[in-house]
PDB file of N, CA and C in Angstrom:
ATOM      1  N   MET A   1       0.296 -29.346  12.477  1.00  0.00           N
ATOM      2  CA  MET A   1      -0.953 -29.532  13.150  1.00  0.00           C
ATOM      3  C   MET A   1      -1.679 -30.715  12.524  1.00  0.00           C
ATOM      4  N   SER A   2      -2.228 -31.540  13.356  1.00  0.00           N
ATOM      5  CA  SER A   2      -2.927 -32.728  12.850  1.00  0.00           C
ATOM      6  C   SER A   2      -4.250 -32.329  12.196  1.00  0.00           C
ATOM      7  N   PRO A   3      -4.704 -33.128  11.202  1.00  0.00           N
ATOM      8  CA  PRO A   3      -5.991 -32.821  10.586  1.00  0.00           C
ATOM      9  C   PRO A   3      -7.122 -32.794  11.585  1.00  0.00           C
ATOM     10  N   SER A   4      -7.062 -33.672  12.584  1.00  0.00           N
ATOM     11  CA  SER A   4      -8.111 -33.712  13.612  1.00  0.00           C
ATOM     12  C   SER A   4      -8.137 -32.398  14.401  1.00  0.00           C
ATOM     13  N   LYS A   5      -6.973 -31.919  14.783  1.00  0.00           N
ATOM     14  CA  LYS A   5      -6.913 -30.654  15.529  1.00  0.00           C
ATOM     15  C   LYS A   5      -7.379 -29.486  14.655  1.00  0.00           C
ATOM     16  N   SER A   6      -6.994 -29.500  13.354  1.00  0.00           N
ATOM     17  CA  SER A   6      -7.440 -28.453  12.433  1.00  0.00           C
ATOM     18  C   SER A   6      -8.951 -28.432  12.314  1.00  0.00           C
ATOM     19  N   ARG A   7      -9.573 -29.624  12.225  1.00  0.00           N
ATOM     20  CA  ARG A   7     -11.024 -29.681  12.121  1.00  0.00           C
ATOM     21  C   ARG A   7     -11.678 -29.168  13.388  1.00  0.00           C
ATOM     22  N   THR A   8     -11.086 -29.478  14.549  1.00  0.00           N
ATOM     23  CA  THR A   8     -11.620 -29.018  15.818  1.00  0.00           C
ATOM     24  C   THR A   8     -11.560 -27.494  15.895  1.00  0.00           C
ATOM     25  N   ILE A   9     -10.440 -26.914  15.464  1.00  0.00           N
ATOM     26  CA  ILE A   9     -10.302 -25.456  15.463  1.00  0.00           C
ATOM     27  C   ILE A   9     -11.303 -24.837  14.504  1.00  0.00           C
ATOM     28  N   LEU A  10     -11.404 -25.399  13.301  1.00  0.00           N
ATOM     29  CA  LEU A  10     -12.352 -24.867  12.326  1.00  0.00           C
ATOM     30  C   LEU A  10     -13.764 -24.918  12.876  1.00  0.00           C
ATOM     31  N   ARG A  11     -14.130 -26.029  13.489  1.00  0.00           N
ATOM     32  CA  ARG A  11     -15.471 -26.149  14.067  1.00  0.00           C
ATOM     33  C   ARG A  11     -15.705 -25.059  15.119  1.00  0.00           C
ATOM     34  N   ALA A  12     -14.695 -24.798  15.962  1.00  0.00           N
ATOM     35  CA  ALA A  12     -14.824 -23.766  16.988  1.00  0.00           C
ATOM     36  C   ALA A  12     -14.973 -22.391  16.349  1.00  0.00           C
ATOM     37  N   VAL A  13     -14.199 -22.125  15.312  1.00  0.00           N
ATOM     38  CA  VAL A  13     -14.287 -20.805  14.633  1.00  0.00           C
ATOM     39  C   VAL A  13     -15.677 -20.656  14.010  1.00  0.00           C
ATOM     40  N   LEU A  14     -16.154 -21.661  13.331  1.00  0.00           N
ATOM     41  CA  LEU A  14     -17.464 -21.560  12.679  1.00  0.00           C
ATOM     42  C   LEU A  14     -18.588 -21.432  13.695  1.00  0.00           C
ATOM     43  N   GLN A  15     -18.440 -22.038  14.857  1.00  0.00           N
ATOM     44  CA  GLN A  15     -19.437 -21.885  15.915  1.00  0.00           C
ATOM     45  C   GLN A  15     -19.397 -20.499  16.519  1.00  0.00           C
ATOM     46  N   ALA A  16     -18.190 -19.938  16.629  1.00  0.00           N
ATOM     47  CA  ALA A  16     -18.033 -18.607  17.221  1.00  0.00           C
ATOM     48  C   ALA A  16     -18.534 -17.508  16.298  1.00  0.00           C
ATOM     49  N   TYR A  17     -18.475 -17.739  15.001  1.00  0.00           N
ATOM     50  CA  TYR A  17     -18.888 -16.730  14.012  1.00  0.00           C
ATOM     51  C   TYR A  17     -19.886 -17.343  13.031  1.00  0.00           C
ATOM     52  N   PRO A  18     -21.093 -17.649  13.505  1.00  0.00           N
ATOM     53  CA  PRO A  18     -22.058 -18.374  12.672  1.00  0.00           C
ATOM     54  C   PRO A  18     -22.874 -17.502  11.726  1.00  0.00           C
ATOM     55  N   ILE A  19     -22.593 -16.215  11.639  1.00  0.00           N
ATOM     56  CA  ILE A  19     -23.487 -15.333  10.901  1.00  0.00           C
ATOM     57  C   ILE A  19     -23.102 -15.167   9.440  1.00  0.00           C
ATOM     58  N   GLY A  20     -22.374 -16.109   8.904  1.00  0.00           N
ATOM     59  CA  GLY A  20     -22.152 -16.123   7.480  1.00  0.00           C
ATOM     60  C   GLY A  20     -20.919 -15.383   6.997  1.00  0.00           C
ATOM     61  N   TRP A  21     -19.988 -15.033   7.860  1.00  0.00           N
ATOM     62  CA  TRP A  21     -18.800 -14.344   7.399  1.00  0.00           C
ATOM     63  C   TRP A  21     -17.918 -15.252   6.573  1.00  0.00           C
ATOM     64  N   LEU A  22     -18.060 -16.553   6.700  1.00  0.00           N
ATOM     65  CA  LEU A  22     -17.238 -17.483   5.961  1.00  0.00           C
ATOM     66  C   LEU A  22     -18.130 -18.545   5.338  1.00  0.00           C
ATOM     67  N   PRO A  23     -18.632 -18.324   4.137  1.00  0.00           N
ATOM     68  CA  PRO A  23     -19.526 -19.305   3.521  1.00  0.00           C
ATOM     69  C   PRO A  23     -18.872 -20.688   3.430  1.00  0.00           C
ATOM     70  N   PRO A  24     -19.602 -21.726   3.748  1.00  0.00           N
ATOM     71  CA  PRO A  24     -19.021 -23.067   3.746  1.00  0.00           C
ATOM     72  C   PRO A  24     -18.332 -23.441   2.438  1.00  0.00           C
ATOM     73  N   GLU A  25     -18.829 -22.955   1.307  1.00  0.00           N
ATOM     74  CA  GLU A  25     -18.209 -23.341   0.024  1.00  0.00           C
ATOM     75  C   GLU A  25     -16.853 -22.712  -0.190  1.00  0.00           C
ATOM     76  N   THR A  26     -16.445 -21.797   0.675  1.00  0.00           N
ATOM     77  CA  THR A  26     -15.125 -21.195   0.530  1.00  0.00           C
ATOM     78  C   THR A  26     -14.113 -21.742   1.528  1.00  0.00           C
ATOM     79  N   VAL A  27     -14.483 -22.756   2.264  1.00  0.00           N
ATOM     80  CA  VAL A  27     -13.555 -23.407   3.192  1.00  0.00           C
ATOM     81  C   VAL A  27     -13.015 -24.649   2.472  1.00  0.00           C
ATOM     82  N   PHE A  28     -11.728 -24.622   2.156  1.00  0.00           N
ATOM     83  CA  PHE A  28     -11.113 -25.704   1.411  1.00  0.00           C
ATOM     84  C   PHE A  28     -10.070 -26.379   2.262  1.00  0.00           C
ATOM     85  N   ARG A  29      -9.839 -27.652   1.996  1.00  0.00           N
ATOM     86  CA  ARG A  29      -8.869 -28.396   2.803  1.00  0.00           C
ATOM     87  C   ARG A  29      -7.423 -28.118   2.369  1.00  0.00           C
ATOM     88  N   SER A  30      -7.241 -27.526   1.209  1.00  0.00           N
ATOM     89  CA  SER A  30      -5.904 -27.197   0.765  1.00  0.00           C
ATOM     90  C   SER A  30      -5.981 -26.146  -0.363  1.00  0.00           C
ATOM     91  N   GLU A  31      -4.846 -25.511  -0.620  1.00  0.00           N
ATOM     92  CA  GLU A  31      -4.800 -24.547  -1.733  1.00  0.00           C
ATOM     93  C   GLU A  31      -5.054 -25.250  -3.040  1.00  0.00           C
ATOM     94  N   GLU A  32      -4.555 -26.454  -3.194  1.00  0.00           N
ATOM     95  CA  GLU A  32      -4.755 -27.204  -4.436  1.00  0.00           C
ATOM     96  C   GLU A  32      -6.217 -27.491  -4.649  1.00  0.00           C
ATOM     97  N   HIS A  33      -6.930 -27.829  -3.575  1.00  0.00           N
ATOM     98  CA  HIS A  33      -8.355 -28.079  -3.658  1.00  0.00           C
ATOM     99  C   HIS A  33      -9.081 -26.808  -4.088  1.00  0.00           C
ATOM    100  N   ALA A  34      -8.676 -25.670  -3.543  1.00  0.00           N
ATOM    101  CA  ALA A  34      -9.287 -24.381  -3.907  1.00  0.00           C
ATOM    102  C   ALA A  34      -9.040 -24.072  -5.380  1.00  0.00           C
ATOM    103  N   ARG A  35      -7.819 -24.336  -5.842  1.00  0.00           N
ATOM    104  CA  ARG A  35      -7.491 -24.035  -7.241  1.00  0.00           C
ATOM    105  C   ARG A  35      -8.313 -24.879  -8.227  1.00  0.00           C
ATOM    106  N   ARG A  36      -8.739 -26.050  -7.800  1.00  0.00           N
ATOM    107  CA  ARG A  36      -9.548 -26.921  -8.657  1.00  0.00           C
ATOM    108  C   ARG A  36     -11.023 -26.533  -8.676  1.00  0.00           C
ATOM    109  N   TRP A  37     -11.431 -25.664  -7.773  1.00  0.00           N
ATOM    110  CA  TRP A  37     -12.820 -25.219  -7.674  1.00  0.00           C
ATOM    111  C   TRP A  37     -13.175 -24.515  -8.970  1.00  0.00           C
ATOM    112  N   GLU A  38     -14.325 -24.834  -9.545  1.00  0.00           N
ATOM    113  CA  GLU A  38     -14.694 -24.255 -10.856  1.00  0.00           C
ATOM    114  C   GLU A  38     -14.849 -22.750 -10.822  1.00  0.00           C
ATOM    115  N   GLN A  39     -15.119 -22.133  -9.671  1.00  0.00           N
ATOM    116  CA  GLN A  39     -15.257 -20.665  -9.602  1.00  0.00           C
ATOM    117  C   GLN A  39     -13.978 -19.967  -9.150  1.00  0.00           C
ATOM    118  N   PHE A  40     -12.880 -20.718  -9.078  1.00  0.00           N
ATOM    119  CA  PHE A  40     -11.618 -20.146  -8.617  1.00  0.00           C
ATOM    120  C   PHE A  40     -11.108 -19.083  -9.612  1.00  0.00           C
ATOM    121  N   ARG A  41     -10.644 -17.959  -9.064  1.00  0.00           N
ATOM    122  CA  ARG A  41     -10.023 -16.919  -9.859  1.00  0.00           C
ATOM    123  C   ARG A  41      -8.584 -16.742  -9.378  1.00  0.00           C
ATOM    124  N   PRO A  42      -7.574 -16.822 -10.261  1.00  0.00           N
ATOM    125  CA  PRO A  42      -6.182 -16.719  -9.861  1.00  0.00           C
ATOM    126  C   PRO A  42      -5.850 -15.477  -9.039  1.00  0.00           C
ATOM    127  N   GLU A  43      -6.519 -14.344  -9.302  1.00  0.00           N
ATOM    128  CA  GLU A  43      -6.205 -13.143  -8.558  1.00  0.00           C
ATOM    129  C   GLU A  43      -6.626 -13.245  -7.068  1.00  0.00           C
ATOM    130  N   SER A  44      -7.358 -14.285  -6.718  1.00  0.00           N
ATOM    131  CA  SER A  44      -7.783 -14.453  -5.345  1.00  0.00           C
ATOM    132  C   SER A  44      -6.788 -15.238  -4.495  1.00  0.00           C
ATOM    133  N   GLU A  45      -5.681 -15.705  -5.107  1.00  0.00           N
ATOM    134  CA  GLU A  45      -4.707 -16.496  -4.379  1.00  0.00           C
ATOM    135  C   GLU A  45      -4.141 -15.801  -3.156  1.00  0.00           C
ATOM    136  N   GLU A  46      -4.021 -14.476  -3.224  1.00  0.00           N
ATOM    137  CA  GLU A  46      -3.455 -13.781  -2.075  1.00  0.00           C
ATOM    138  C   GLU A  46      -4.380 -13.893  -0.851  1.00  0.00           C
ATOM    139  N   GLY A  47      -5.609 -14.327  -1.055  1.00  0.00           N
ATOM    140  CA  GLY A  47      -6.545 -14.502   0.042  1.00  0.00           C
ATOM    141  C   GLY A  47      -6.375 -15.821   0.786  1.00  0.00           C
ATOM    142  N   PHE A  48      -5.522 -16.713   0.311  1.00  0.00           N
ATOM    143  CA  PHE A  48      -5.321 -17.974   1.021  1.00  0.00           C
ATOM    144  C   PHE A  48      -4.718 -17.692   2.407  1.00  0.00           C
ATOM    145  N   ILE A  49      -5.237 -18.367   3.406  1.00  0.00           N
ATOM    146  CA  ILE A  49      -4.713 -18.247   4.766  1.00  0.00           C
ATOM    147  C   ILE A  49      -4.901 -19.591   5.426  1.00  0.00           C
ATOM    148  N   VAL A  50      -3.884 -20.047   6.126  1.00  0.00           N
ATOM    149  CA  VAL A  50      -4.002 -21.347   6.802  1.00  0.00           C
ATOM    150  C   VAL A  50      -4.832 -21.133   8.057  1.00  0.00           C
ATOM    151  N   LEU A  51      -5.495 -22.188   8.485  1.00  0.00           N
ATOM    152  CA  LEU A  51      -6.431 -22.127   9.588  1.00  0.00           C
ATOM    153  C   LEU A  51      -5.815 -21.556  10.878  1.00  0.00           C
ATOM    154  N   PRO A  52      -4.638 -21.983  11.283  1.00  0.00           N
ATOM    155  CA  PRO A  52      -4.071 -21.403  12.509  1.00  0.00           C
ATOM    156  C   PRO A  52      -3.886 -19.900  12.424  1.00  0.00           C
ATOM    157  N   ASP A  53      -3.497 -19.386  11.244  1.00  0.00           N
ATOM    158  CA  ASP A  53      -3.336 -17.941  11.074  1.00  0.00           C
ATOM    159  C   ASP A  53      -4.685 -17.242  11.118  1.00  0.00           C
ATOM    160  N   LEU A  54      -5.729 -17.846  10.546  1.00  0.00           N
ATOM    161  CA  LEU A  54      -7.056 -17.275  10.579  1.00  0.00           C
ATOM    162  C   LEU A  54      -7.568 -17.224  12.041  1.00  0.00           C
ATOM    163  N   VAL A  55      -7.337 -18.273  12.776  1.00  0.00           N
ATOM    164  CA  VAL A  55      -7.729 -18.311  14.188  1.00  0.00           C
ATOM    165  C   VAL A  55      -6.980 -17.199  14.936  1.00  0.00           C
ATOM    166  N   GLY A  56      -5.709 -17.021  14.655  1.00  0.00           N
ATOM    167  CA  GLY A  56      -4.936 -15.948  15.292  1.00  0.00           C
ATOM    168  C   GLY A  56      -5.470 -14.569  14.946  1.00  0.00           C
ATOM    169  N   PHE A  57      -5.870 -14.390  13.726  1.00  0.00           N
ATOM    170  CA  PHE A  57      -6.416 -13.085  13.281  1.00  0.00           C
ATOM    171  C   PHE A  57      -7.695 -12.756  14.072  1.00  0.00           C
ATOM    172  N   PHE A  58      -8.535 -13.748  14.272  1.00  0.00           N
ATOM    173  CA  PHE A  58      -9.767 -13.508  15.018  1.00  0.00           C
ATOM    174  C   PHE A  58      -9.575 -13.708  16.535  1.00  0.00           C
ATOM    175  N   GLY A  59      -8.366 -13.994  16.937  1.00  0.00           N
ATOM    176  CA  GLY A  59      -8.100 -14.202  18.376  1.00  0.00           C
ATOM    177  C   GLY A  59      -7.207 -13.138  18.967  1.00  0.00           C
ATOM    178  N   THR A  60      -7.102 -11.976  18.349  1.00  0.00           N
ATOM    179  CA  THR A  60      -6.273 -10.924  18.893  1.00  0.00           C
ATOM    180  C   THR A  60      -6.860 -10.442  20.218  1.00  0.00           C
ATOM    181  N   GLU A  61      -6.032  -9.743  20.989  1.00  0.00           N
ATOM    182  CA  GLU A  61      -6.463  -9.341  22.341  1.00  0.00           C
ATOM    183  C   GLU A  61      -7.739  -8.506  22.344  1.00  0.00           C
ATOM    184  N   SER A  62      -7.831  -7.552  21.446  1.00  0.00           N
ATOM    185  CA  SER A  62      -9.047  -6.710  21.446  1.00  0.00           C
ATOM    186  C   SER A  62     -10.301  -7.533  21.150  1.00  0.00           C
ATOM    187  N   ARG A  63     -10.144  -8.548  20.335  1.00  0.00           N
ATOM    188  CA  ARG A  63     -11.274  -9.406  19.979  1.00  0.00           C
ATOM    189  C   ARG A  63     -11.795 -10.175  21.175  1.00  0.00           C
ATOM    190  N   GLN A  64     -10.911 -10.467  22.117  1.00  0.00           N
ATOM    191  CA  GLN A  64     -11.287 -11.218  23.311  1.00  0.00           C
ATOM    192  C   GLN A  64     -12.050 -10.384  24.313  1.00  0.00           C
ATOM    193  N   HIS A  65     -12.144  -9.084  24.051  1.00  0.00           N
ATOM    194  CA  HIS A  65     -12.840  -8.170  24.989  1.00  0.00           C
ATOM    195  C   HIS A  65     -14.092  -7.571  24.417  1.00  0.00           C
ATOM    196  N   MET A  66     -14.617  -8.160  23.328  1.00  0.00           N
ATOM    197  CA  MET A  66     -15.753  -7.576  22.648  1.00  0.00           C
ATOM    198  C   MET A  66     -16.992  -7.429  23.527  1.00  0.00           C
ATOM    199  N   LEU A  67     -17.142  -8.221  24.533  1.00  0.00           N
ATOM    200  CA  LEU A  67     -18.308  -8.162  25.407  1.00  0.00           C
ATOM    201  C   LEU A  67     -18.056  -7.322  26.664  1.00  0.00           C
ATOM    202  N   ASP A  68     -16.885  -6.788  26.800  1.00  0.00           N
ATOM    203  CA  ASP A  68     -16.588  -5.911  27.943  1.00  0.00           C
ATOM    204  C   ASP A  68     -17.367  -4.612  27.810  1.00  0.00           C
ATOM    205  N   ALA A  69     -17.773  -4.102  28.949  1.00  0.00           N
ATOM    206  CA  ALA A  69     -18.528  -2.846  28.965  1.00  0.00           C
ATOM    207  C   ALA A  69     -17.750  -1.676  28.373  1.00  0.00           C
ATOM    208  N   ASP A  70     -16.431  -1.698  28.504  1.00  0.00           N
ATOM    209  CA  ASP A  70     -15.597  -0.605  27.986  1.00  0.00           C
ATOM    210  C   ASP A  70     -14.997  -0.905  26.619  1.00  0.00           C
ATOM    211  N   TYR A  71     -15.558  -1.865  25.890  1.00  0.00           N
ATOM    212  CA  TYR A  71     -14.955  -2.270  24.624  1.00  0.00           C
ATOM    213  C   TYR A  71     -14.808  -1.089  23.637  1.00  0.00           C
ATOM    214  N   LEU A  72     -15.874  -0.325  23.449  1.00  0.00           N
ATOM    215  CA  LEU A  72     -15.819   0.747  22.455  1.00  0.00           C
ATOM    216  C   LEU A  72     -14.827   1.830  22.842  1.00  0.00           C
ATOM    217  N   SER A  73     -14.713   2.126  24.099  1.00  0.00           N
ATOM    218  CA  SER A  73     -13.798   3.198  24.523  1.00  0.00           C
ATOM    219  C   SER A  73     -12.366   2.713  24.705  1.00  0.00           C
ATOM    220  N   ARG A  74     -12.202   1.467  25.152  1.00  0.00           N
ATOM    221  CA  ARG A  74     -10.853   0.991  25.467  1.00  0.00           C
ATOM    222  C   ARG A  74     -10.258   0.083  24.404  1.00  0.00           C
ATOM    223  N   TRP A  75     -11.028  -0.878  23.902  1.00  0.00           N
ATOM    224  CA  TRP A  75     -10.478  -1.917  23.029  1.00  0.00           C
ATOM    225  C   TRP A  75     -10.639  -1.638  21.566  1.00  0.00           C
ATOM    226  N   TYR A  76     -11.799  -1.108  21.141  1.00  0.00           N
ATOM    227  CA  TYR A  76     -12.052  -0.886  19.720  1.00  0.00           C
ATOM    228  C   TYR A  76     -10.978   0.014  19.073  1.00  0.00           C
ATOM    229  N   PRO A  77     -10.556   1.084  19.733  1.00  0.00           N
ATOM    230  CA  PRO A  77      -9.537   1.938  19.107  1.00  0.00           C
ATOM    231  C   PRO A  77      -8.188   1.213  18.844  1.00  0.00           C
ATOM    232  N   ARG A  78      -7.952   0.140  19.558  1.00  0.00           N
ATOM    233  CA  ARG A  78      -6.692  -0.613  19.382  1.00  0.00           C
ATOM    234  C   ARG A  78      -6.791  -1.670  18.258  1.00  0.00           C
ATOM    235  N   ARG A  79      -8.015  -1.981  17.883  1.00  0.00           N
ATOM    236  CA  ARG A  79      -8.234  -3.134  16.995  1.00  0.00           C
ATOM    237  C   ARG A  79      -7.539  -3.035  15.661  1.00  0.00           C
ATOM    238  N   ALA A  80      -7.646  -1.927  14.960  1.00  0.00           N
ATOM    239  CA  ALA A  80      -7.029  -1.810  13.619  1.00  0.00           C
ATOM    240  C   ALA A  80      -5.531  -1.969  13.671  1.00  0.00           C
ATOM    241  N   ALA A  81      -4.877  -1.309  14.591  1.00  0.00           N
ATOM    242  CA  ALA A  81      -3.414  -1.426  14.693  1.00  0.00           C
ATOM    243  C   ALA A  81      -2.994  -2.846  15.080  1.00  0.00           C
ATOM    244  N   GLU A  82      -3.756  -3.444  15.973  1.00  0.00           N
ATOM    245  CA  GLU A  82      -3.484  -4.796  16.405  1.00  0.00           C
ATOM    246  C   GLU A  82      -3.593  -5.796  15.223  1.00  0.00           C
ATOM    247  N   ARG A  83      -4.633  -5.609  14.425  1.00  0.00           N
ATOM    248  CA  ARG A  83      -4.804  -6.483  13.267  1.00  0.00           C
ATOM    249  C   ARG A  83      -3.701  -6.268  12.232  1.00  0.00           C
ATOM    250  N   ARG A  84      -3.351  -5.002  11.964  1.00  0.00           N
ATOM    251  CA  ARG A  84      -2.275  -4.717  11.014  1.00  0.00           C
ATOM    252  C   ARG A  84      -0.975  -5.365  11.477  1.00  0.00           C
ATOM    253  N   GLU A  85      -0.667  -5.267  12.761  1.00  0.00           N
ATOM    254  CA  GLU A  85       0.535  -5.876  13.316  1.00  0.00           C
ATOM    255  C   GLU A  85       0.513  -7.385  13.152  1.00  0.00           C
ATOM    256  N   TYR A  86      -0.627  -8.009  13.421  1.00  0.00           N
ATOM    257  CA  TYR A  86      -0.735  -9.449  13.270  1.00  0.00           C
ATOM    258  C   TYR A  86      -0.564  -9.859  11.809  1.00  0.00           C
ATOM    259  N   LEU A  87      -1.219  -9.124  10.906  1.00  0.00           N
ATOM    260  CA  LEU A  87      -1.110  -9.426   9.472  1.00  0.00           C
ATOM    261  C   LEU A  87       0.315  -9.307   8.986  1.00  0.00           C
ATOM    262  N   ALA A  88       1.036  -8.300   9.475  1.00  0.00           N
ATOM    263  CA  ALA A  88       2.430  -8.125   9.095  1.00  0.00           C
ATOM    264  C   ALA A  88       3.260  -9.318   9.601  1.00  0.00           C
ATOM    265  N   ARG A  89       2.963  -9.759  10.806  1.00  0.00           N
ATOM    266  CA  ARG A  89       3.701 -10.880  11.402  1.00  0.00           C
ATOM    267  C   ARG A  89       3.523 -12.167  10.581  1.00  0.00           C
ATOM    268  N   ILE A  90       2.360 -12.361   9.968  1.00  0.00           N
ATOM    269  CA  ILE A  90       2.141 -13.582   9.207  1.00  0.00           C
ATOM    270  C   ILE A  90       2.370 -13.346   7.691  1.00  0.00           C
ATOM    271  N   GLY A  91       2.844 -12.162   7.324  1.00  0.00           N
ATOM    272  CA  GLY A  91       3.190 -11.907   5.929  1.00  0.00           C
ATOM    273  C   GLY A  91       2.006 -11.568   5.041  1.00  0.00           C
ATOM    274  N   LYS A  92       0.937 -11.040   5.587  1.00  0.00           N
ATOM    275  CA  LYS A  92      -0.249 -10.677   4.811  1.00  0.00           C
ATOM    276  C   LYS A  92      -0.375  -9.156   4.808  1.00  0.00           C
ATOM    277  N   GLU A  93       0.455  -8.487   3.977  1.00  0.00           N
ATOM    278  CA  GLU A  93       0.483  -7.030   3.979  1.00  0.00           C
ATOM    279  C   GLU A  93      -0.001  -6.403   2.675  1.00  0.00           C
ATOM    280  N   SER A  94      -0.659  -7.181   1.849  1.00  0.00           N
ATOM    281  CA  SER A  94      -1.143  -6.652   0.575  1.00  0.00           C
ATOM    282  C   SER A  94      -2.429  -5.821   0.801  1.00  0.00           C
ATOM    283  N   PRO A  95      -2.819  -5.028  -0.174  1.00  0.00           N
ATOM    284  CA  PRO A  95      -4.061  -4.272  -0.049  1.00  0.00           C
ATOM    285  C   PRO A  95      -5.267  -5.163   0.250  1.00  0.00           C
ATOM    286  N   PHE A  96      -5.241  -6.392  -0.272  1.00  0.00           N
ATOM    287  CA  PHE A  96      -6.333  -7.328   0.008  1.00  0.00           C
ATOM    288  C   PHE A  96      -6.528  -7.509   1.498  1.00  0.00           C
ATOM    289  N   TRP A  97      -5.454  -7.742   2.221  1.00  0.00           N
ATOM    290  CA  TRP A  97      -5.520  -8.001   3.644  1.00  0.00           C
ATOM    291  C   TRP A  97      -5.651  -6.736   4.463  1.00  0.00           C
ATOM    292  N   LEU A  98      -5.137  -5.645   4.005  1.00  0.00           N
ATOM    293  CA  LEU A  98      -5.210  -4.390   4.765  1.00  0.00           C
ATOM    294  C   LEU A  98      -6.504  -3.645   4.515  1.00  0.00           C
ATOM    295  N   GLY A  99      -7.319  -4.135   3.578  1.00  0.00           N
ATOM    296  CA  GLY A  99      -8.584  -3.492   3.287  1.00  0.00           C
ATOM    297  C   GLY A  99      -8.431  -2.148   2.616  1.00  0.00           C
ATOM    298  N   THR A 100      -7.355  -2.005   1.844  1.00  0.00           N
ATOM    299  CA  THR A 100      -7.111  -0.752   1.138  1.00  0.00           C
ATOM    300  C   THR A 100      -7.194  -1.017  -0.365  1.00  0.00           C
ATOM    301  N   PRO A 101      -7.456   0.002  -1.148  1.00  0.00           N
ATOM    302  CA  PRO A 101      -7.479  -0.204  -2.611  1.00  0.00           C
ATOM    303  C   PRO A 101      -6.098  -0.621  -3.134  1.00  0.00           C
ATOM    304  N   ALA A 102      -6.110  -1.447  -4.119  1.00  0.00           N
ATOM    305  CA  ALA A 102      -4.847  -1.868  -4.748  1.00  0.00           C
ATOM    306  C   ALA A 102      -4.244  -0.658  -5.481  1.00  0.00           C
ATOM    307  N   PRO A 103      -2.933  -0.510  -5.404  1.00  0.00           N
ATOM    308  CA  PRO A 103      -2.308   0.619  -6.126  1.00  0.00           C
ATOM    309  C   PRO A 103      -2.546   0.454  -7.626  1.00  0.00           C
ATOM    310  N   SER A 104      -2.838   1.560  -8.299  1.00  0.00           N
ATOM    311  CA  SER A 104      -3.051   1.467  -9.748  1.00  0.00           C
ATOM    312  C   SER A 104      -1.713   1.426 -10.482  1.00  0.00           C
ATOM    313  N   ALA A 105      -1.715   0.712 -11.555  1.00  0.00           N
ATOM    314  CA  ALA A 105      -0.492   0.518 -12.319  1.00  0.00           C
ATOM    315  C   ALA A 105      -0.155   1.705 -13.155  1.00  0.00           C
TER     316      ALA A 105
END
């Protein structure tokens, strides 16, 4: 994907979700850039996600019906399974991505 297209997608995502779910200081142009950030913590590496995958995560079918009158009864119950399936498809199956506690050692 070209840098220009990536910026266009990022701009669209940030416009669609402007309520602070993704603070600007946590949007990095590369993993290397993120690792050089003074507040970077190595245990956060599993949180790296490329922009097209992030767009896909927020572009699942149930997400596209959030304004439908029947969203809560028809679409919301499908959302968790749909997200888990998408995360598995892109290889993000850790507790971090699934929103579950990390297994204790």
